[in-house]
PDB file of N, CA and C in Angstrom:
ATOM      1  N   UNK A   1       0.821  -1.194   0.000  1.00  0.00           N
ATOM      2  CA  UNK A   1       0.000   0.000   0.000  1.00  0.00           C
ATOM      3  C   UNK A   1       0.864   1.256   0.000  1.00  0.00           C
ATOM      4  N   UNK A   2       1.928   1.216   0.811  1.00  0.00           N
ATOM      5  CA  UNK A   2       2.800   2.387   0.880  1.00  0.00           C
ATOM      6  C   UNK A   2       3.502   2.600  -0.459  1.00  0.00           C
ATOM      7  N   UNK A   3       3.828   1.482  -1.152  1.00  0.00           N
ATOM      8  CA  UNK A   3       4.457   1.617  -2.462  1.00  0.00           C
ATOM      9  C   UNK A   3       3.519   2.327  -3.422  1.00  0.00           C
ATOM     10  N   UNK A   4       2.243   1.935  -3.425  1.00  0.00           N
ATOM     11  CA  UNK A   4       1.269   2.550  -4.316  1.00  0.00           C
ATOM     12  C   UNK A   4       1.140   4.041  -4.026  1.00  0.00           C
ATOM     13  N   UNK A   5       1.051   4.381  -2.755  1.00  0.00           N
ATOM     14  CA  UNK A   5       0.908   5.785  -2.369  1.00  0.00           C
ATOM     15  C   UNK A   5       2.142   6.579  -2.768  1.00  0.00           C
ATOM     16  N   UNK A   6       3.309   6.000  -2.524  1.00  0.00           N
ATOM     17  CA  UNK A   6       4.554   6.669  -2.893  1.00  0.00           C
ATOM     18  C   UNK A   6       4.621   6.868  -4.405  1.00  0.00           C
ATOM     19  N   UNK A   7       4.244   5.837  -5.153  1.00  0.00           N
ATOM     20  CA  UNK A   7       4.256   5.937  -6.615  1.00  0.00           C
ATOM     21  C   UNK A   7       3.269   6.995  -7.100  1.00  0.00           C
ATOM     22  N   UNK A   8       2.104   7.057  -6.470  1.00  0.00           N
ATOM     23  CA  UNK A   8       1.096   8.041  -6.849  1.00  0.00           C
ATOM     24  C   UNK A   8       1.611   9.459  -6.607  1.00  0.00           C
ATOM     25  N   UNK A   9       2.161   9.698  -5.430  1.00  0.00           N
ATOM     26  CA  UNK A   9       2.691  11.032  -5.117  1.00  0.00           C
ATOM     27  C   UNK A   9       3.855  11.372  -6.037  1.00  0.00           C
ATOM     28  N   UNK A  10       4.732  10.400  -6.299  1.00  0.00           N
ATOM     29  CA  UNK A  10       5.862  10.650  -7.200  1.00  0.00           C
ATOM     30  C   UNK A  10       5.363  11.005  -8.601  1.00  0.00           C
ATOM     31  N   UNK A  11       4.326  10.310  -9.042  1.00  0.00           N
ATOM     32  CA  UNK A  11       3.755  10.618 -10.352  1.00  0.00           C
ATOM     33  C   UNK A  11       3.142  12.006 -10.396  1.00  0.00           C
ATOM     34  N   UNK A  12       2.467  12.371  -9.312  1.00  0.00           N
ATOM     35  CA  UNK A  12       1.867  13.704  -9.241  1.00  0.00           C
ATOM     36  C   UNK A  12       2.952  14.777  -9.261  1.00  0.00           C
ATOM     37  N   UNK A  13       4.017  14.526  -8.539  1.00  0.00           N
ATOM     38  CA  UNK A  13       5.108  15.502  -8.499  1.00  0.00           C
ATOM     39  C   UNK A  13       5.830  15.588  -9.841  1.00  0.00           C
ATOM     40  N   UNK A  14       5.921  14.453 -10.520  1.00  0.00           N
ATOM     41  CA  UNK A  14       6.617  14.431 -11.800  1.00  0.00           C
ATOM     42  C   UNK A  14       5.903  15.213 -12.885  1.00  0.00           C
ATOM     43  N   UNK A  15       4.591  15.290 -12.791  1.00  0.00           N
ATOM     44  CA  UNK A  15       3.843  15.987 -13.832  1.00  0.00           C
ATOM     45  C   UNK A  15       3.613  17.461 -13.485  1.00  0.00           C
ATOM     46  N   UNK A  16       3.973  17.852 -12.290  1.00  0.00           N
ATOM     47  CA  UNK A  16       3.783  19.248 -11.884  1.00  0.00           C
ATOM     48  C   UNK A  16       4.976  20.086 -12.313  1.00  0.00           C
ATOM     49  N   UNK A  17       4.722  21.334 -12.538  1.00  0.00           N
ATOM     50  CA  UNK A  17       5.765  22.243 -12.978  1.00  0.00           C
ATOM     51  C   UNK A  17       6.116  23.182 -11.832  1.00  0.00           C
ATOM     52  N   UNK A  18       7.093  22.792 -11.020  1.00  0.00           N
ATOM     53  CA  UNK A  18       7.489  23.606  -9.889  1.00  0.00           C
ATOM     54  C   UNK A  18       8.509  24.652 -10.327  1.00  0.00           C
ATOM     55  N   UNK A  19       8.447  25.799  -9.707  1.00  0.00           N
ATOM     56  CA  UNK A  19       9.391  26.867 -10.009  1.00  0.00           C
ATOM     57  C   UNK A  19      10.793  26.464  -9.589  1.00  0.00           C
ATOM     58  N   UNK A  20      10.894  25.745  -8.505  1.00  0.00           N
ATOM     59  CA  UNK A  20      12.191  25.261  -8.055  1.00  0.00           C
ATOM     60  C   UNK A  20      12.002  23.906  -7.399  1.00  0.00           C
ATOM     61  N   UNK A  21      13.019  23.074  -7.510  1.00  0.00           N
ATOM     62  CA  UNK A  21      12.954  21.772  -6.865  1.00  0.00           C
ATOM     63  C   UNK A  21      13.191  21.966  -5.373  1.00  0.00           C
ATOM     64  N   UNK A  22      12.455  21.238  -4.576  1.00  0.00           N
ATOM     65  CA  UNK A  22      12.598  21.382  -3.138  1.00  0.00           C
ATOM     66  C   UNK A  22      12.362  20.045  -2.462  1.00  0.00           C
ATOM     67  N   UNK A  23      13.007  19.871  -1.339  1.00  0.00           N
ATOM     68  CA  UNK A  23      12.749  18.721  -0.498  1.00  0.00           C
ATOM     69  C   UNK A  23      11.948  19.205   0.701  1.00  0.00           C
ATOM     70  N   UNK A  24      11.027  18.393   1.113  1.00  0.00           N
ATOM     71  CA  UNK A  24      10.227  18.725   2.284  1.00  0.00           C
ATOM     72  C   UNK A  24      10.579  17.717   3.364  1.00  0.00           C
ATOM     73  N   UNK A  25      11.336  18.146   4.353  1.00  0.00           N
ATOM     74  CA  UNK A  25      11.721  17.284   5.462  1.00  0.00           C
ATOM     75  C   UNK A  25      10.706  17.482   6.579  1.00  0.00           C
ATOM     76  N   UNK A  26       9.714  16.611   6.613  1.00  0.00           N
ATOM     77  CA  UNK A  26       8.619  16.766   7.568  1.00  0.00           C
ATOM     78  C   UNK A  26       9.070  16.627   9.018  1.00  0.00           C
ATOM     79  N   UNK A  27      10.224  16.005   9.239  1.00  0.00           N
ATOM     80  CA  UNK A  27      10.702  15.868  10.614  1.00  0.00           C
ATOM     81  C   UNK A  27      11.123  17.215  11.199  1.00  0.00           C
ATOM     82  N   UNK A  28      11.316  18.212  10.363  1.00  0.00           N
ATOM     83  CA  UNK A  28      11.726  19.535  10.842  1.00  0.00           C
ATOM     84  C   UNK A  28      10.574  20.537  10.858  1.00  0.00           C
ATOM     85  N   UNK A  29       9.429  20.150  10.328  1.00  0.00           N
ATOM     86  CA  UNK A  29       8.297  21.074  10.225  1.00  0.00           C
ATOM     87  C   UNK A  29       7.503  21.116  11.520  1.00  0.00           C
ATOM     88  N   UNK A  30       7.115  22.311  11.916  1.00  0.00           N
ATOM     89  CA  UNK A  30       6.195  22.493  13.030  1.00  0.00           C
ATOM     90  C   UNK A  30       4.790  22.682  12.460  1.00  0.00           C
ATOM     91  N   UNK A  31       3.821  22.652  13.348  1.00  0.00           N
ATOM     92  CA  UNK A  31       2.444  22.922  12.916  1.00  0.00           C
ATOM     93  C   UNK A  31       2.349  24.326  12.316  1.00  0.00           C
ATOM     94  N   UNK A  32       3.058  25.273  12.902  1.00  0.00           N
ATOM     95  CA  UNK A  32       3.025  26.647  12.396  1.00  0.00           C
ATOM     96  C   UNK A  32       3.543  26.714  10.956  1.00  0.00           C
ATOM     97  N   UNK A  33       4.660  26.038  10.695  1.00  0.00           N
ATOM     98  CA  UNK A  33       5.219  26.050   9.345  1.00  0.00           C
ATOM     99  C   UNK A  33       4.253  25.390   8.358  1.00  0.00           C
ATOM    100  N   UNK A  34       3.611  24.312   8.784  1.00  0.00           N
ATOM    101  CA  UNK A  34       2.641  23.632   7.935  1.00  0.00           C
ATOM    102  C   UNK A  34       1.479  24.557   7.592  1.00  0.00           C
ATOM    103  N   UNK A  35       0.962  25.256   8.597  1.00  0.00           N
ATOM    104  CA  UNK A  35      -0.177  26.136   8.369  1.00  0.00           C
ATOM    105  C   UNK A  35       0.174  27.350   7.521  1.00  0.00           C
ATOM    106  N   UNK A  36       1.434  27.742   7.520  1.00  0.00           N
ATOM    107  CA  UNK A  36       1.819  28.910   6.728  1.00  0.00           C
ATOM    108  C   UNK A  36       2.400  28.523   5.364  1.00  0.00           C
ATOM    109  N   UNK A  37       2.413  27.225   5.062  1.00  0.00           N
ATOM    110  CA  UNK A  37       2.944  26.752   3.778  1.00  0.00           C
ATOM    111  C   UNK A  37       1.971  27.080   2.652  1.00  0.00           C
ATOM    112  N   UNK A  38       2.485  27.019   1.447  1.00  0.00           N
ATOM    113  CA  UNK A  38       1.660  27.254   0.268  1.00  0.00           C
ATOM    114  C   UNK A  38       0.675  26.120   0.032  1.00  0.00           C
ATOM    115  N   UNK A  39      -0.349  26.415  -0.728  1.00  0.00           N
ATOM    116  CA  UNK A  39      -1.428  25.460  -1.002  1.00  0.00           C
ATOM    117  C   UNK A  39      -0.902  24.170  -1.639  1.00  0.00           C
ATOM    118  N   UNK A  40       0.047  24.289  -2.566  1.00  0.00           N
ATOM    119  CA  UNK A  40       0.596  23.097  -3.226  1.00  0.00           C
ATOM    120  C   UNK A  40       1.327  22.202  -2.234  1.00  0.00           C
ATOM    121  N   UNK A  41       2.164  22.804  -1.380  1.00  0.00           N
ATOM    122  CA  UNK A  41       2.888  22.016  -0.383  1.00  0.00           C
ATOM    123  C   UNK A  41       1.932  21.342   0.579  1.00  0.00           C
ATOM    124  N   UNK A  42       0.927  22.064   1.036  1.00  0.00           N
ATOM    125  CA  UNK A  42      -0.045  21.499   1.971  1.00  0.00           C
ATOM    126  C   UNK A  42      -0.766  20.319   1.322  1.00  0.00           C
ATOM    127  N   UNK A  43      -1.159  20.453   0.069  1.00  0.00           N
ATOM    128  CA  UNK A  43      -1.841  19.363  -0.634  1.00  0.00           C
ATOM    129  C   UNK A  43      -0.974  18.130  -0.760  1.00  0.00           C
ATOM    130  N   UNK A  44       0.285  18.318  -1.116  1.00  0.00           N
ATOM    131  CA  UNK A  44       1.214  17.187  -1.247  1.00  0.00           C
ATOM    132  C   UNK A  44       1.417  16.526   0.107  1.00  0.00           C
ATOM    133  N   UNK A  45       1.602  17.319   1.145  1.00  0.00           N
ATOM    134  CA  UNK A  45       1.832  16.772   2.479  1.00  0.00           C
ATOM    135  C   UNK A  45       0.604  16.017   2.976  1.00  0.00           C
ATOM    136  N   UNK A  46      -0.575  16.582   2.791  1.00  0.00           N
ATOM    137  CA  UNK A  46      -1.796  15.895   3.224  1.00  0.00           C
ATOM    138  C   UNK A  46      -1.982  14.570   2.488  1.00  0.00           C
ATOM    139  N   UNK A  47      -1.686  14.548   1.196  1.00  0.00           N
ATOM    140  CA  UNK A  47      -1.804  13.304   0.434  1.00  0.00           C
ATOM    141  C   UNK A  47      -0.795  12.269   0.933  1.00  0.00           C
ATOM    142  N   UNK A  48       0.418  12.717   1.206  1.00  0.00           N
ATOM    143  CA  UNK A  48       1.445  11.808   1.721  1.00  0.00           C
ATOM    144  C   UNK A  48       1.026  11.258   3.077  1.00  0.00           C
ATOM    145  N   UNK A  49       0.542  12.125   3.957  1.00  0.00           N
ATOM    146  CA  UNK A  49       0.114  11.695   5.288  1.00  0.00           C
ATOM    147  C   UNK A  49      -1.041  10.699   5.205  1.00  0.00           C
ATOM    148  N   UNK A  50      -1.968  10.928   4.286  1.00  0.00           N
ATOM    149  CA  UNK A  50      -3.095  10.020   4.117  1.00  0.00           C
ATOM    150  C   UNK A  50      -2.598   8.610   3.797  1.00  0.00           C
ATOM    151  N   UNK A  51      -1.649   8.504   2.904  1.00  0.00           N
ATOM    152  CA  UNK A  51      -1.083   7.205   2.561  1.00  0.00           C
ATOM    153  C   UNK A  51      -0.245   6.612   3.678  1.00  0.00           C
ATOM    154  N   UNK A  52       0.506   7.452   4.365  1.00  0.00           N
ATOM    155  CA  UNK A  52       1.401   6.991   5.417  1.00  0.00           C
ATOM    156  C   UNK A  52       0.631   6.351   6.574  1.00  0.00           C
ATOM    157  N   UNK A  53      -0.511   6.899   6.907  1.00  0.00           N
ATOM    158  CA  UNK A  53      -1.268   6.396   8.047  1.00  0.00           C
ATOM    159  C   UNK A  53      -2.299   5.328   7.681  1.00  0.00           C
ATOM    160  N   UNK A  54      -2.288   4.860   6.447  1.00  0.00           N
ATOM    161  CA  UNK A  54      -3.151   3.737   6.082  1.00  0.00           C
ATOM    162  C   UNK A  54      -2.466   2.448   6.516  1.00  0.00           C
ATOM    163  N   UNK A  55      -3.276   1.432   6.794  1.00  0.00           N
ATOM    164  CA  UNK A  55      -2.736   0.127   7.152  1.00  0.00           C
ATOM    165  C   UNK A  55      -2.130  -0.552   5.933  1.00  0.00           C
ATOM    166  N   UNK A  56      -1.202  -1.438   6.191  1.00  0.00           N
ATOM    167  CA  UNK A  56      -0.501  -2.134   5.105  1.00  0.00           C
ATOM    168  C   UNK A  56      -1.460  -2.906   4.203  1.00  0.00           C
ATOM    169  N   UNK A  57      -2.532  -3.429   4.764  1.00  0.00           N
ATOM    170  CA  UNK A  57      -3.475  -4.233   3.991  1.00  0.00           C
ATOM    171  C   UNK A  57      -4.729  -3.470   3.588  1.00  0.00           C
ATOM    172  N   UNK A  58      -4.746  -2.166   3.821  1.00  0.00           N
ATOM    173  CA  UNK A  58      -5.901  -1.367   3.404  1.00  0.00           C
ATOM    174  C   UNK A  58      -5.965  -1.307   1.880  1.00  0.00           C
ATOM    175  N   UNK A  59      -7.166  -1.248   1.336  1.00  0.00           N
ATOM    176  CA  UNK A  59      -7.286  -1.160  -0.126  1.00  0.00           C
ATOM    177  C   UNK A  59      -6.782   0.203  -0.624  1.00  0.00           C
ATOM    178  N   UNK A  60      -6.346   0.256  -1.868  1.00  0.00           N
ATOM    179  CA  UNK A  60      -5.835   1.516  -2.430  1.00  0.00           C
ATOM    180  C   UNK A  60      -6.977   2.463  -2.796  1.00  0.00           C
ATOM    181  N   UNK A  61      -7.664   2.941  -1.772  1.00  0.00           N
ATOM    182  CA  UNK A  61      -8.829   3.793  -1.948  1.00  0.00           C
ATOM    183  C   UNK A  61      -8.624   5.076  -1.160  1.00  0.00           C
ATOM    184  N   UNK A  62      -8.922   6.201  -1.789  1.00  0.00           N
ATOM    185  CA  UNK A  62      -8.893   7.481  -1.080  1.00  0.00           C
ATOM    186  C   UNK A  62     -10.326   7.813  -0.719  1.00  0.00           C
ATOM    187  N   UNK A  63     -10.594   7.796   0.569  1.00  0.00           N
ATOM    188  CA  UNK A  63     -11.921   8.157   1.077  1.00  0.00           C
ATOM    189  C   UNK A  63     -11.912   9.678   1.237  1.00  0.00           C
ATOM    190  N   UNK A  64     -12.500  10.383   0.293  1.00  0.00           N
ATOM    191  CA  UNK A  64     -12.399  11.843   0.290  1.00  0.00           C
ATOM    192  C   UNK A  64     -13.074  12.469   1.501  1.00  0.00           C
ATOM    193  N   UNK A  65     -14.152  11.875   1.986  1.00  0.00           N
ATOM    194  CA  UNK A  65     -14.798  12.409   3.190  1.00  0.00           C
ATOM    195  C   UNK A  65     -13.858  12.308   4.392  1.00  0.00           C
ATOM    196  N   UNK A  66     -13.223  11.157   4.541  1.00  0.00           N
ATOM    197  CA  UNK A  66     -12.283  10.956   5.647  1.00  0.00           C
ATOM    198  C   UNK A  66     -11.051  11.845   5.469  1.00  0.00           C
ATOM    199  N   UNK A  67     -10.582  11.987   4.225  1.00  0.00           N
ATOM    200  CA  UNK A  67      -9.431  12.830   3.924  1.00  0.00           C
ATOM    201  C   UNK A  67      -9.692  14.268   4.370  1.00  0.00           C
ATOM    202  N   UNK A  68     -10.854  14.796   4.002  1.00  0.00           N
ATOM    203  CA  UNK A  68     -11.216  16.171   4.371  1.00  0.00           C
ATOM    204  C   UNK A  68     -11.384  16.297   5.883  1.00  0.00           C
ATOM    205  N   UNK A  69     -12.020  15.313   6.498  1.00  0.00           N
ATOM    206  CA  UNK A  69     -12.208  15.342   7.959  1.00  0.00           C
ATOM    207  C   UNK A  69     -10.864  15.324   8.679  1.00  0.00           C
ATOM    208  N   UNK A  70      -9.944  14.481   8.212  1.00  0.00           N
ATOM    209  CA  UNK A  70      -8.616  14.427   8.826  1.00  0.00           C
ATOM    210  C   UNK A  70      -7.838  15.719   8.608  1.00  0.00           C
ATOM    211  N   UNK A  71      -7.973  16.324   7.447  1.00  0.00           N
ATOM    212  CA  UNK A  71      -7.309  17.600   7.179  1.00  0.00           C
ATOM    213  C   UNK A  71      -7.826  18.685   8.118  1.00  0.00           C
ATOM    214  N   UNK A  72      -9.139  18.706   8.331  1.00  0.00           N
ATOM    215  CA  UNK A  72      -9.728  19.682   9.263  1.00  0.00           C
ATOM    216  C   UNK A  72      -9.249  19.425  10.688  1.00  0.00           C
ATOM    217  N   UNK A  73      -9.225  18.155  11.072  1.00  0.00           N
ATOM    218  CA  UNK A  73      -8.777  17.787  12.418  1.00  0.00           C
ATOM    219  C   UNK A  73      -7.325  18.228  12.636  1.00  0.00           C
ATOM    220  N   UNK A  74      -6.473  18.005  11.640  1.00  0.00           N
ATOM    221  CA  UNK A  74      -5.076  18.427  11.741  1.00  0.00           C
ATOM    222  C   UNK A  74      -4.974  19.944  11.791  1.00  0.00           C
ATOM    223  N   UNK A  75      -5.753  20.635  10.984  1.00  0.00           N
ATOM    224  CA  UNK A  75      -5.734  22.092  10.989  1.00  0.00           C
ATOM    225  C   UNK A  75      -6.129  22.667  12.340  1.00  0.00           C
ATOM    226  N   UNK A  76      -7.168  22.095  12.937  1.00  0.00           N
ATOM    227  CA  UNK A  76      -7.615  22.559  14.257  1.00  0.00           C
ATOM    228  C   UNK A  76      -6.565  22.270  15.325  1.00  0.00           C
ATOM    229  N   UNK A  77      -5.964  21.078  15.264  1.00  0.00           N
ATOM    230  CA  UNK A  77      -4.946  20.706  16.239  1.00  0.00           C
ATOM    231  C   UNK A  77      -3.726  21.618  16.104  1.00  0.00           C
ATOM    232  N   UNK A  78      -3.311  21.862  14.881  1.00  0.00           N
ATOM    233  CA  UNK A  78      -2.141  22.712  14.649  1.00  0.00           C
ATOM    234  C   UNK A  78      -2.407  24.164  15.051  1.00  0.00           C
ATOM    235  N   UNK A  79      -3.624  24.629  14.873  1.00  0.00           N
ATOM    236  CA  UNK A  79      -3.960  25.989  15.299  1.00  0.00           C
ATOM    237  C   UNK A  79      -3.827  26.121  16.814  1.00  0.00           C
ATOM    238  N   UNK A  80      -4.181  25.060  17.533  1.00  0.00           N
ATOM    239  CA  UNK A  80      -4.101  25.083  18.992  1.00  0.00           C
ATOM    240  C   UNK A  80      -2.690  24.797  19.513  1.00  0.00           C
ATOM    241  N   UNK A  81      -1.842  24.149  18.679  1.00  0.00           N
ATOM    242  CA  UNK A  81      -0.494  23.742  19.102  1.00  0.00           C
ATOM    243  C   UNK A  81       0.538  24.094  18.024  1.00  0.00           C
ATOM    244  N   UNK A  82       0.731  25.360  17.706  1.00  0.00           N
ATOM    245  CA  UNK A  82       1.612  25.729  16.593  1.00  0.00           C
ATOM    246  C   UNK A  82       3.083  25.356  16.792  1.00  0.00           C
ATOM    247  N   UNK A  83       3.516  25.182  18.021  1.00  0.00           N
ATOM    248  CA  UNK A  83       4.925  24.901  18.281  1.00  0.00           C
ATOM    249  C   UNK A  83       5.274  23.415  18.170  1.00  0.00           C
ATOM    250  N   UNK A  84       4.273  22.544  18.111  1.00  0.00           N
ATOM    251  CA  UNK A  84       4.500  21.098  18.059  1.00  0.00           C
ATOM    252  C   UNK A  84       4.965  20.690  16.671  1.00  0.00           C
ATOM    253  N   UNK A  85       5.835  19.699  16.626  1.00  0.00           N
ATOM    254  CA  UNK A  85       6.290  19.162  15.350  1.00  0.00           C
ATOM    255  C   UNK A  85       5.127  18.543  14.582  1.00  0.00           C
ATOM    256  N   UNK A  86       5.152  18.678  13.281  1.00  0.00           N
ATOM    257  CA  UNK A  86       4.053  18.179  12.454  1.00  0.00           C
ATOM    258  C   UNK A  86       3.880  16.668  12.594  1.00  0.00           C
ATOM    259  N   UNK A  87       4.979  15.925  12.588  1.00  0.00           N
ATOM    260  CA  UNK A  87       4.888  14.469  12.707  1.00  0.00           C
ATOM    261  C   UNK A  87       4.390  14.074  14.093  1.00  0.00           C
ATOM    262  N   UNK A  88       4.787  14.796  15.119  1.00  0.00           N
ATOM    263  CA  UNK A  88       4.265  14.540  16.463  1.00  0.00           C
ATOM    264  C   UNK A  88       2.759  14.755  16.486  1.00  0.00           C
ATOM    265  N   UNK A  89       2.317  15.823  15.859  1.00  0.00           N
ATOM    266  CA  UNK A  89       0.878  16.121  15.794  1.00  0.00           C
ATOM    267  C   UNK A  89       0.125  15.029  15.047  1.00  0.00           C
ATOM    268  N   UNK A  90       0.644  14.607  13.896  1.00  0.00           N
ATOM    269  CA  UNK A  90      -0.061  13.588  13.112  1.00  0.00           C
ATOM    270  C   UNK A  90      -0.024  12.234  13.806  1.00  0.00           C
ATOM    271  N   UNK A  91       1.076  11.922  14.475  1.00  0.00           N
ATOM    272  CA  UNK A  91       1.118  10.671  15.245  1.00  0.00           C
ATOM    273  C   UNK A  91       0.081  10.692  16.351  1.00  0.00           C
ATOM    274  N   UNK A  92      -0.057  11.834  17.019  1.00  0.00           N
ATOM    275  CA  UNK A  92      -1.046  11.978  18.082  1.00  0.00           C
ATOM    276  C   UNK A  92      -2.456  11.756  17.539  1.00  0.00           C
ATOM    277  N   UNK A  93      -2.741  12.311  16.375  1.00  0.00           N
ATOM    278  CA  UNK A  93      -4.084  12.246  15.816  1.00  0.00           C
ATOM    279  C   UNK A  93      -4.381  10.947  15.070  1.00  0.00           C
ATOM    280  N   UNK A  94      -3.406  10.419  14.350  1.00  0.00           N
ATOM    281  CA  UNK A  94      -3.712   9.348  13.392  1.00  0.00           C
ATOM    282  C   UNK A  94      -2.970   8.030  13.591  1.00  0.00           C
ATOM    283  N   UNK A  95      -2.002   7.974  14.488  1.00  0.00           N
ATOM    284  CA  UNK A  95      -1.198   6.751  14.618  1.00  0.00           C
ATOM    285  C   UNK A  95      -2.017   5.542  15.027  1.00  0.00           C
ATOM    286  N   UNK A  96      -3.016   5.717  15.860  1.00  0.00           N
ATOM    287  CA  UNK A  96      -3.829   4.581  16.303  1.00  0.00           C
ATOM    288  C   UNK A  96      -4.511   3.895  15.123  1.00  0.00           C
ATOM    289  N   UNK A  97      -4.784   4.673  14.068  1.00  0.00           N
ATOM    290  CA  UNK A  97      -5.445   4.098  12.895  1.00  0.00           C
ATOM    291  C   UNK A  97      -4.495   3.304  12.023  1.00  0.00           C
ATOM    292  N   UNK A  98      -3.194   3.479  12.216  1.00  0.00           N
ATOM    293  CA  UNK A  98      -2.203   2.819  11.350  1.00  0.00           C
ATOM    294  C   UNK A  98      -2.131   1.344  11.606  1.00  0.00           C
TER     295      UNK A  98
END
């Protein structure tokens, strides 16, 4: 499942026309940095997180209702805890589902 998600994100990135190549090291991002990031970066990160927190045997399905709900939940959590690391925040919210 993680391979499929990684391949999907890589394909999406390959077809996009970025002004500059960049690496996103999520281990260094805080909630504040995530909330102040550009729309494209936020979309890529949310898609990556959605795949990362799926179970290994989950079907390759994007549940858009759940995706939007999780994005809202993360946004609310990050607004309340801007100093927390992004991965710490997502582990707190979504790790139990993994």
